[in-house]
Every structure is written in C-alpha cells, then in structure tokens.
C-alpha cells in the first residue's frame, strides 16, 4: 500500500513566527500553537499538516528541503526565504 504525508515538520527557533509567515503566504490557518510548536492545515482540511517545532540550534549551510510554491500561471522562478532564512522558490 502506498504511503502519504501526514505532516511535514520543520525545526525553527520561533514556531509562532514561522507559523504566522507560512499561514499568510499559503492562506492557511494556524490550527494549534504553543511555545514549542505550531501547526497549519489547508482550509480544505486535506493534505498534510505543516508543523513548526522549536529548535534553538542555528541552521548552518543550505536547508535540505526547499519548498517550491505555485503563485501564478507561469514558470518564472523567484528565489526567496522565510523569516528563518530557509530557501523557498515561488513560481509566479
């Protein structure tokens, strides 16, 4: 039987700040939050949770997972970063 994503966890120093950024970018809502973690879910309730877990360690080097988001109808890639400095790509 194939697997599917239940949630994607991202270690960050500030879970609340990361959750607010991603909620605004994706149009998702913050479903739960505490000092140590915050979780987002798509408005449809389908798909994986996006979880931010407190980790005070400072990231060094490139992140190993780089989200690519569709933000328009073309394939023009725009490099950007979230507030933690993690790379993201917007296809606008």
PDB file of N, CA and C in Angstrom:
ATOM      1  N   UNK A   1       0.849  -1.173   0.000  1.00  0.00           N
ATOM      2  CA  UNK A   1       0.000   0.000   0.000  1.00  0.00           C
ATOM      3  C   UNK A   1       0.899   1.243   0.000  1.00  0.00           C
ATOM      4  N   UNK A   2       0.632   2.214  -0.865  1.00  0.00           N
ATOM      5  CA  UNK A   2       1.444   3.433  -0.901  1.00  0.00           C
ATOM      6  C   UNK A   2       1.268   4.253   0.377  1.00  0.00           C
ATOM      7  N   UNK A   3       2.290   5.026   0.692  1.00  0.00           N
ATOM      8  CA  UNK A   3       2.234   5.935   1.834  1.00  0.00           C
ATOM      9  C   UNK A   3       1.843   7.322   1.370  1.00  0.00           C
ATOM     10  N   UNK A   4       1.474   8.162   2.311  1.00  0.00           N
ATOM     11  CA  UNK A   4       1.215   9.572   2.017  1.00  0.00           C
ATOM     12  C   UNK A   4       1.694  10.391   3.198  1.00  0.00           C
ATOM     13  N   UNK A   5       1.967  11.654   2.965  1.00  0.00           N
ATOM     14  CA  UNK A   5       2.418  12.526   4.033  1.00  0.00           C
ATOM     15  C   UNK A   5       1.288  12.789   5.018  1.00  0.00           C
ATOM     16  N   UNK A   6       1.573  12.642   6.305  1.00  0.00           N
ATOM     17  CA  UNK A   6       0.629  13.019   7.354  1.00  0.00           C
ATOM     18  C   UNK A   6       0.943  14.434   7.831  1.00  0.00           C
ATOM     19  N   UNK A   7       2.230  14.728   7.990  1.00  0.00           N
ATOM     20  CA  UNK A   7       2.657  16.067   8.359  1.00  0.00           C
ATOM     21  C   UNK A   7       4.102  16.272   7.934  1.00  0.00           C
ATOM     22  N   UNK A   8       4.450  17.524   7.785  1.00  0.00           N
ATOM     23  CA  UNK A   8       5.819  17.910   7.477  1.00  0.00           C
ATOM     24  C   UNK A   8       6.274  18.783   8.632  1.00  0.00           C
ATOM     25  N   UNK A   9       7.341  18.369   9.319  1.00  0.00           N
ATOM     26  CA  UNK A   9       7.852  19.101  10.475  1.00  0.00           C
ATOM     27  C   UNK A   9       9.101  19.880  10.091  1.00  0.00           C
ATOM     28  N   UNK A  10       9.146  21.123  10.564  1.00  0.00           N
ATOM     29  CA  UNK A  10      10.276  21.997  10.289  1.00  0.00           C
ATOM     30  C   UNK A  10      10.779  22.527  11.625  1.00  0.00           C
ATOM     31  N   UNK A  11      12.059  22.320  11.909  1.00  0.00           N
ATOM     32  CA  UNK A  11      12.669  22.841  13.129  1.00  0.00           C
ATOM     33  C   UNK A  11      12.974  24.320  12.950  1.00  0.00           C
ATOM     34  N   UNK A  12      12.520  25.142  13.911  1.00  0.00           N
ATOM     35  CA  UNK A  12      12.723  26.592  13.857  1.00  0.00           C
ATOM     36  C   UNK A  12      12.933  27.131  15.270  1.00  0.00           C
ATOM     37  N   UNK A  13      13.618  28.274  15.412  1.00  0.00           N
ATOM     38  CA  UNK A  13      13.761  28.878  16.735  1.00  0.00           C
ATOM     39  C   UNK A  13      12.461  29.498  17.259  1.00  0.00           C
ATOM     40  N   UNK A  14      11.578  29.953  16.342  1.00  0.00           N
ATOM     41  CA  UNK A  14      10.340  30.642  16.731  1.00  0.00           C
ATOM     42  C   UNK A  14       9.146  30.016  15.998  1.00  0.00           C
ATOM     43  N   UNK A  15       8.522  28.973  16.575  1.00  0.00           N
ATOM     44  CA  UNK A  15       7.402  28.314  15.886  1.00  0.00           C
ATOM     45  C   UNK A  15       6.240  29.247  15.564  1.00  0.00           C
ATOM     46  N   UNK A  16       5.900  30.147  16.484  1.00  0.00           N
ATOM     47  CA  UNK A  16       4.778  31.059  16.241  1.00  0.00           C
ATOM     48  C   UNK A  16       5.030  32.000  15.081  1.00  0.00           C
ATOM     49  N   UNK A  17       6.230  32.563  15.035  1.00  0.00           N
ATOM     50  CA  UNK A  17       6.580  33.472  13.932  1.00  0.00           C
ATOM     51  C   UNK A  17       6.596  32.766  12.595  1.00  0.00           C
ATOM     52  N   UNK A  18       7.161  31.558  12.570  1.00  0.00           N
ATOM     53  CA  UNK A  18       7.189  30.788  11.327  1.00  0.00           C
ATOM     54  C   UNK A  18       5.773  30.434  10.887  1.00  0.00           C
ATOM     55  N   UNK A  19       4.933  30.036  11.827  1.00  0.00           N
ATOM     56  CA  UNK A  19       3.546  29.678  11.500  1.00  0.00           C
ATOM     57  C   UNK A  19       2.783  30.874  10.941  1.00  0.00           C
ATOM     58  N   UNK A  20       2.975  32.054  11.527  1.00  0.00           N
ATOM     59  CA  UNK A  20       2.290  33.256  11.025  1.00  0.00           C
ATOM     60  C   UNK A  20       2.734  33.575   9.598  1.00  0.00           C
ATOM     61  N   UNK A  21       4.038  33.482   9.318  1.00  0.00           N
ATOM     62  CA  UNK A  21       4.548  33.744   7.975  1.00  0.00           C
ATOM     63  C   UNK A  21       3.930  32.786   6.963  1.00  0.00           C
ATOM     64  N   UNK A  22       4.009  31.470   7.250  1.00  0.00           N
ATOM     65  CA  UNK A  22       3.503  30.478   6.310  1.00  0.00           C
ATOM     66  C   UNK A  22       1.988  30.519   6.187  1.00  0.00           C
ATOM     67  N   UNK A  23       1.278  30.827   7.267  1.00  0.00           N
ATOM     68  CA  UNK A  23      -0.183  30.948   7.189  1.00  0.00           C
ATOM     69  C   UNK A  23      -0.566  32.082   6.235  1.00  0.00           C
ATOM     70  N   UNK A  24       0.123  33.205   6.331  1.00  0.00           N
ATOM     71  CA  UNK A  24      -0.162  34.337   5.441  1.00  0.00           C
ATOM     72  C   UNK A  24       0.209  34.012   4.002  1.00  0.00           C
ATOM     73  N   UNK A  25       1.348  33.350   3.792  1.00  0.00           N
ATOM     74  CA  UNK A  25       1.799  33.025   2.442  1.00  0.00           C
ATOM     75  C   UNK A  25       0.877  32.023   1.757  1.00  0.00           C
ATOM     76  N   UNK A  26       0.425  31.009   2.501  1.00  0.00           N
ATOM     77  CA  UNK A  26      -0.381  29.936   1.914  1.00  0.00           C
ATOM     78  C   UNK A  26      -1.894  30.170   2.006  1.00  0.00           C
ATOM     79  N   UNK A  27      -2.323  31.115   2.850  1.00  0.00           N
ATOM     80  CA  UNK A  27      -3.761  31.299   3.072  1.00  0.00           C
ATOM     81  C   UNK A  27      -4.339  30.209   3.955  1.00  0.00           C
ATOM     82  N   UNK A  28      -3.487  29.565   4.757  1.00  0.00           N
ATOM     83  CA  UNK A  28      -3.914  28.519   5.675  1.00  0.00           C
ATOM     84  C   UNK A  28      -4.122  29.122   7.051  1.00  0.00           C
ATOM     85  N   UNK A  29      -4.753  28.385   7.935  1.00  0.00           N
ATOM     86  CA  UNK A  29      -4.953  28.886   9.289  1.00  0.00           C
ATOM     87  C   UNK A  29      -4.083  28.119  10.278  1.00  0.00           C
ATOM     88  N   UNK A  30      -3.714  28.806  11.346  1.00  0.00           N
ATOM     89  CA  UNK A  30      -2.968  28.166  12.427  1.00  0.00           C
ATOM     90  C   UNK A  30      -3.987  27.400  13.265  1.00  0.00           C
ATOM     91  N   UNK A  31      -3.849  26.092  13.291  1.00  0.00           N
ATOM     92  CA  UNK A  31      -4.823  25.232  13.981  1.00  0.00           C
ATOM     93  C   UNK A  31      -4.472  24.998  15.442  1.00  0.00           C
ATOM     94  N   UNK A  32      -3.193  24.989  15.764  1.00  0.00           N
ATOM     95  CA  UNK A  32      -2.775  24.850  17.157  1.00  0.00           C
ATOM     96  C   UNK A  32      -1.397  25.479  17.322  1.00  0.00           C
ATOM     97  N   UNK A  33      -1.144  26.004  18.521  1.00  0.00           N
ATOM     98  CA  UNK A  33       0.135  26.650  18.777  1.00  0.00           C
ATOM     99  C   UNK A  33       0.444  26.641  20.263  1.00  0.00           C
ATOM    100  N   UNK A  34       1.718  26.546  20.572  1.00  0.00           N
ATOM    101  CA  UNK A  34       2.213  26.688  21.934  1.00  0.00           C
ATOM    102  C   UNK A  34       3.610  27.291  21.816  1.00  0.00           C
ATOM    103  N   UNK A  35       4.312  27.404  22.920  1.00  0.00           N
ATOM    104  CA  UNK A  35       5.668  27.948  22.869  1.00  0.00           C
ATOM    105  C   UNK A  35       6.618  27.017  22.119  1.00  0.00           C
ATOM    106  N   UNK A  36       6.285  25.719  22.068  1.00  0.00           N
ATOM    107  CA  UNK A  36       7.199  24.743  21.475  1.00  0.00           C
ATOM    108  C   UNK A  36       6.821  24.253  20.088  1.00  0.00           C
ATOM    109  N   UNK A  37       5.606  24.498  19.645  1.00  0.00           N
ATOM    110  CA  UNK A  37       5.227  24.064  18.304  1.00  0.00           C
ATOM    111  C   UNK A  37       3.999  24.829  17.833  1.00  0.00           C
ATOM    112  N   UNK A  38       3.801  24.823  16.507  1.00  0.00           N
ATOM    113  CA  UNK A  38       2.608  25.412  15.890  1.00  0.00           C
ATOM    114  C   UNK A  38       2.294  24.599  14.644  1.00  0.00           C
ATOM    115  N   UNK A  39       1.018  24.433  14.336  1.00  0.00           N
ATOM    116  CA  UNK A  39       0.614  23.635  13.191  1.00  0.00           C
ATOM    117  C   UNK A  39      -0.386  24.339  12.305  1.00  0.00           C
ATOM    118  N   UNK A  40      -0.206  24.177  10.995  1.00  0.00           N
ATOM    119  CA  UNK A  40      -1.107  24.735   9.988  1.00  0.00           C
ATOM    120  C   UNK A  40      -1.785  23.605   9.241  1.00  0.00           C
ATOM    121  N   UNK A  41      -2.963  23.900   8.741  1.00  0.00           N
ATOM    122  CA  UNK A  41      -3.684  22.943   7.904  1.00  0.00           C
ATOM    123  C   UNK A  41      -4.345  23.703   6.767  1.00  0.00           C
ATOM    124  N   UNK A  42      -4.404  23.100   5.614  1.00  0.00           N
ATOM    125  CA  UNK A  42      -5.065  23.711   4.458  1.00  0.00           C
ATOM    126  C   UNK A  42      -6.538  23.950   4.784  1.00  0.00           C
ATOM    127  N   UNK A  43      -7.146  24.993   4.231  1.00  0.00           N
ATOM    128  CA  UNK A  43      -8.560  25.269   4.502  1.00  0.00           C
ATOM    129  C   UNK A  43      -9.481  24.099   4.169  1.00  0.00           C
ATOM    130  N   UNK A  44      -9.099  23.279   3.203  1.00  0.00           N
ATOM    131  CA  UNK A  44      -9.923  22.131   2.825  1.00  0.00           C
ATOM    132  C   UNK A  44      -9.864  21.019   3.866  1.00  0.00           C
ATOM    133  N   UNK A  45      -8.864  21.081   4.772  1.00  0.00           N
ATOM    134  CA  UNK A  45      -8.676  20.012   5.741  1.00  0.00           C
ATOM    135  C   UNK A  45      -8.002  18.790   5.144  1.00  0.00           C
ATOM    136  N   UNK A  46      -7.602  18.879   3.897  1.00  0.00           N
ATOM    137  CA  UNK A  46      -6.941  17.760   3.211  1.00  0.00           C
ATOM    138  C   UNK A  46      -5.455  18.038   3.113  1.00  0.00           C
ATOM    139  N   UNK A  47      -4.701  17.001   2.940  1.00  0.00           N
ATOM    140  CA  UNK A  47      -3.265  17.145   2.804  1.00  0.00           C
ATOM    141  C   UNK A  47      -2.575  17.129   4.151  1.00  0.00           C
ATOM    142  N   UNK A  48      -1.259  17.195   4.125  1.00  0.00           N
ATOM    143  CA  UNK A  48      -0.513  17.078   5.375  1.00  0.00           C
ATOM    144  C   UNK A  48      -0.579  18.347   6.221  1.00  0.00           C
ATOM    145  N   UNK A  49      -0.401  18.159   7.524  1.00  0.00           N
ATOM    146  CA  UNK A  49      -0.196  19.280   8.436  1.00  0.00           C
ATOM    147  C   UNK A  49       1.191  19.850   8.151  1.00  0.00           C
ATOM    148  N   UNK A  50       1.357  21.135   8.360  1.00  0.00           N
ATOM    149  CA  UNK A  50       2.660  21.780   8.315  1.00  0.00           C
ATOM    150  C   UNK A  50       2.971  22.187   9.748  1.00  0.00           C
ATOM    151  N   UNK A  51       3.959  21.526  10.360  1.00  0.00           N
ATOM    152  CA  UNK A  51       4.272  21.706  11.784  1.00  0.00           C
ATOM    153  C   UNK A  51       5.613  22.407  11.958  1.00  0.00           C
ATOM    154  N   UNK A  52       5.651  23.362  12.871  1.00  0.00           N
ATOM    155  CA  UNK A  52       6.880  24.065  13.216  1.00  0.00           C
ATOM    156  C   UNK A  52       7.214  23.721  14.661  1.00  0.00           C
ATOM    157  N   UNK A  53       8.418  23.160  14.870  1.00  0.00           N
ATOM    158  CA  UNK A  53       8.835  22.659  16.173  1.00  0.00           C
ATOM    159  C   UNK A  53      10.037  23.475  16.643  1.00  0.00           C
ATOM    160  N   UNK A  54       9.974  23.930  17.912  1.00  0.00           N
ATOM    161  CA  UNK A  54      11.059  24.750  18.445  1.00  0.00           C
ATOM    162  C   UNK A  54      12.368  23.960  18.482  1.00  0.00           C
ATOM    163  N   UNK A  55      13.404  24.592  17.905  1.00  0.00           N
ATOM    164  CA  UNK A  55      14.763  24.068  17.964  1.00  0.00           C
ATOM    165  C   UNK A  55      15.672  25.286  17.994  1.00  0.00           C
ATOM    166  N   UNK A  56      16.310  25.552  19.129  1.00  0.00           N
ATOM    167  CA  UNK A  56      17.120  26.767  19.247  1.00  0.00           C
ATOM    168  C   UNK A  56      18.435  26.722  18.467  1.00  0.00           C
ATOM    169  N   UNK A  57      18.798  25.580  17.918  1.00  0.00           N
ATOM    170  CA  UNK A  57      20.050  25.477  17.167  1.00  0.00           C
ATOM    171  C   UNK A  57      19.993  26.362  15.925  1.00  0.00           C
ATOM    172  N   UNK A  58      21.082  27.018  15.638  1.00  0.00           N
ATOM    173  CA  UNK A  58      21.166  27.884  14.462  1.00  0.00           C
ATOM    174  C   UNK A  58      21.504  27.022  13.246  1.00  0.00           C
ATOM    175  N   UNK A  59      20.742  27.210  12.173  1.00  0.00           N
ATOM    176  CA  UNK A  59      20.976  26.458  10.942  1.00  0.00           C
ATOM    177  C   UNK A  59      22.265  26.943  10.301  1.00  0.00           C
ATOM    178  N   UNK A  60      23.046  26.003   9.824  1.00  0.00           N
ATOM    179  CA  UNK A  60      24.270  26.331   9.107  1.00  0.00           C
ATOM    180  C   UNK A  60      24.222  25.669   7.735  1.00  0.00           C
ATOM    181  N   UNK A  61      24.539  26.434   6.701  1.00  0.00           N
ATOM    182  CA  UNK A  61      24.526  25.882   5.353  1.00  0.00           C
ATOM    183  C   UNK A  61      23.122  25.894   4.757  1.00  0.00           C
ATOM    184  N   UNK A  62      23.007  25.269   3.588  1.00  0.00           N
ATOM    185  CA  UNK A  62      21.719  25.199   2.885  1.00  0.00           C
ATOM    186  C   UNK A  62      20.766  24.259   3.585  1.00  0.00           C
ATOM    187  N   UNK A  63      19.483  24.618   3.539  1.00  0.00           N
ATOM    188  CA  UNK A  63      18.491  23.676   4.048  1.00  0.00           C
ATOM    189  C   UNK A  63      18.336  22.537   3.035  1.00  0.00           C
ATOM    190  N   UNK A  64      18.024  21.371   3.539  1.00  0.00           N
ATOM    191  CA  UNK A  64      17.974  20.193   2.682  1.00  0.00           C
ATOM    192  C   UNK A  64      16.625  20.015   2.000  1.00  0.00           C
ATOM    193  N   UNK A  65      15.634  20.742   2.444  1.00  0.00           N
ATOM    194  CA  UNK A  65      14.310  20.699   1.837  1.00  0.00           C
ATOM    195  C   UNK A  65      13.978  22.118   1.392  1.00  0.00           C
ATOM    196  N   UNK A  66      13.666  22.293   0.110  1.00  0.00           N
ATOM    197  CA  UNK A  66      13.347  23.619  -0.401  1.00  0.00           C
ATOM    198  C   UNK A  66      11.958  23.589  -1.016  1.00  0.00           C
ATOM    199  N   UNK A  67      10.974  24.194  -0.351  1.00  0.00           N
ATOM    200  CA  UNK A  67       9.617  24.218  -0.907  1.00  0.00           C
ATOM    201  C   UNK A  67       9.557  25.050  -2.189  1.00  0.00           C
ATOM    202  N   UNK A  68       8.805  24.565  -3.147  1.00  0.00           N
ATOM    203  CA  UNK A  68       8.534  25.287  -4.389  1.00  0.00           C
ATOM    204  C   UNK A  68       7.028  25.491  -4.439  1.00  0.00           C
ATOM    205  N   UNK A  69       6.597  26.761  -4.451  1.00  0.00           N
ATOM    206  CA  UNK A  69       5.178  27.106  -4.365  1.00  0.00           C
ATOM    207  C   UNK A  69       4.689  27.699  -5.677  1.00  0.00           C
ATOM    208  N   UNK A  70       3.489  27.329  -6.092  1.00  0.00           N
ATOM    209  CA  UNK A  70       2.856  27.928  -7.265  1.00  0.00           C
ATOM    210  C   UNK A  70       2.150  29.204  -6.824  1.00  0.00           C
ATOM    211  N   UNK A  71       2.561  30.322  -7.419  1.00  0.00           N
ATOM    212  CA  UNK A  71       1.962  31.602  -7.043  1.00  0.00           C
ATOM    213  C   UNK A  71       1.353  32.306  -8.251  1.00  0.00           C
ATOM    214  N   UNK A  72       1.345  31.650  -9.389  1.00  0.00           N
ATOM    215  CA  UNK A  72       0.811  32.257 -10.593  1.00  0.00           C
ATOM    216  C   UNK A  72       0.653  31.228 -11.689  1.00  0.00           C
ATOM    217  N   UNK A  73       0.530  31.724 -12.927  1.00  0.00           N
ATOM    218  CA  UNK A  73       0.272  30.845 -14.060  1.00  0.00           C
ATOM    219  C   UNK A  73       1.494  30.595 -14.935  1.00  0.00           C
ATOM    220  N   UNK A  74       2.659  31.065 -14.529  1.00  0.00           N
ATOM    221  CA  UNK A  74       3.849  30.866 -15.346  1.00  0.00           C
ATOM    222  C   UNK A  74       4.870  30.045 -14.564  1.00  0.00           C
ATOM    223  N   UNK A  75       5.987  29.760 -15.201  1.00  0.00           N
ATOM    224  CA  UNK A  75       7.052  29.007 -14.549  1.00  0.00           C
ATOM    225  C   UNK A  75       8.241  29.889 -14.192  1.00  0.00           C
ATOM    226  N   UNK A  76       8.032  31.203 -14.074  1.00  0.00           N
ATOM    227  CA  UNK A  76       9.120  32.094 -13.692  1.00  0.00           C
ATOM    228  C   UNK A  76       9.443  31.858 -12.226  1.00  0.00           C
ATOM    229  N   UNK A  77      10.667  31.452 -11.934  1.00  0.00           N
ATOM    230  CA  UNK A  77      11.076  31.131 -10.577  1.00  0.00           C
ATOM    231  C   UNK A  77      11.633  32.364  -9.880  1.00  0.00           C
ATOM    232  N   UNK A  78      11.156  32.597  -8.664  1.00  0.00           N
ATOM    233  CA  UNK A  78      11.624  33.703  -7.840  1.00  0.00           C
ATOM    234  C   UNK A  78      12.183  33.105  -6.554  1.00  0.00           C
ATOM    235  N   UNK A  79      13.457  33.280  -6.319  1.00  0.00           N
ATOM    236  CA  UNK A  79      14.065  32.790  -5.093  1.00  0.00           C
ATOM    237  C   UNK A  79      13.737  33.717  -3.940  1.00  0.00           C
ATOM    238  N   UNK A  80      13.456  33.148  -2.799  1.00  0.00           N
ATOM    239  CA  UNK A  80      13.116  33.937  -1.624  1.00  0.00           C
ATOM    240  C   UNK A  80      13.527  33.149  -0.390  1.00  0.00           C
ATOM    241  N   UNK A  81      13.146  33.648   0.769  1.00  0.00           N
ATOM    242  CA  UNK A  81      13.446  32.952   2.023  1.00  0.00           C
ATOM    243  C   UNK A  81      12.357  33.272   3.034  1.00  0.00           C
ATOM    244  N   UNK A  82      12.149  32.353   3.966  1.00  0.00           N
ATOM    245  CA  UNK A  82      11.225  32.609   5.059  1.00  0.00           C
ATOM    246  C   UNK A  82      11.953  33.409   6.144  1.00  0.00           C
ATOM    247  N   UNK A  83      11.265  33.826   7.217  1.00  0.00           N
ATOM    248  CA  UNK A  83      11.924  34.638   8.245  1.00  0.00           C
ATOM    249  C   UNK A  83      13.110  33.950   8.924  1.00  0.00           C
ATOM    250  N   UNK A  84      13.175  32.631   8.868  1.00  0.00           N
ATOM    251  CA  UNK A  84      14.286  31.892   9.469  1.00  0.00           C
ATOM    252  C   UNK A  84      15.481  31.791   8.523  1.00  0.00           C
ATOM    253  N   UNK A  85      15.329  32.291   7.283  1.00  0.00           N
ATOM    254  CA  UNK A  85      16.410  32.230   6.305  1.00  0.00           C
ATOM    255  C   UNK A  85      16.400  30.978   5.458  1.00  0.00           C
ATOM    256  N   UNK A  86      15.351  30.150   5.573  1.00  0.00           N
ATOM    257  CA  UNK A  86      15.245  28.934   4.753  1.00  0.00           C
ATOM    258  C   UNK A  86      14.838  29.304   3.334  1.00  0.00           C
ATOM    259  N   UNK A  87      15.499  28.691   2.360  1.00  0.00           N
ATOM    260  CA  UNK A  87      15.207  28.951   0.957  1.00  0.00           C
ATOM    261  C   UNK A  87      13.806  28.481   0.591  1.00  0.00           C
ATOM    262  N   UNK A  88      13.108  29.290  -0.192  1.00  0.00           N
ATOM    263  CA  UNK A  88      11.857  28.890  -0.823  1.00  0.00           C
ATOM    264  C   UNK A  88      11.882  29.416  -2.256  1.00  0.00           C
ATOM    265  N   UNK A  89      11.128  28.791  -3.140  1.00  0.00           N
ATOM    266  CA  UNK A  89      11.025  29.231  -4.523  1.00  0.00           C
ATOM    267  C   UNK A  89       9.557  29.444  -4.837  1.00  0.00           C
ATOM    268  N   UNK A  90       9.251  30.597  -5.420  1.00  0.00           N
ATOM    269  CA  UNK A  90       7.890  30.913  -5.860  1.00  0.00           C
ATOM    270  C   UNK A  90       7.871  30.839  -7.378  1.00  0.00           C
ATOM    271  N   UNK A  91       6.966  30.043  -7.934  1.00  0.00           N
ATOM    272  CA  UNK A  91       6.741  30.025  -9.375  1.00  0.00           C
ATOM    273  C   UNK A  91       5.608  30.992  -9.639  1.00  0.00           C
ATOM    274  N   UNK A  92       5.932  32.129 -10.219  1.00  0.00           N
ATOM    275  CA  UNK A  92       4.941  33.194 -10.396  1.00  0.00           C
ATOM    276  C   UNK A  92       4.539  33.335 -11.834  1.00  0.00           C
TER     277      UNK A  92
END
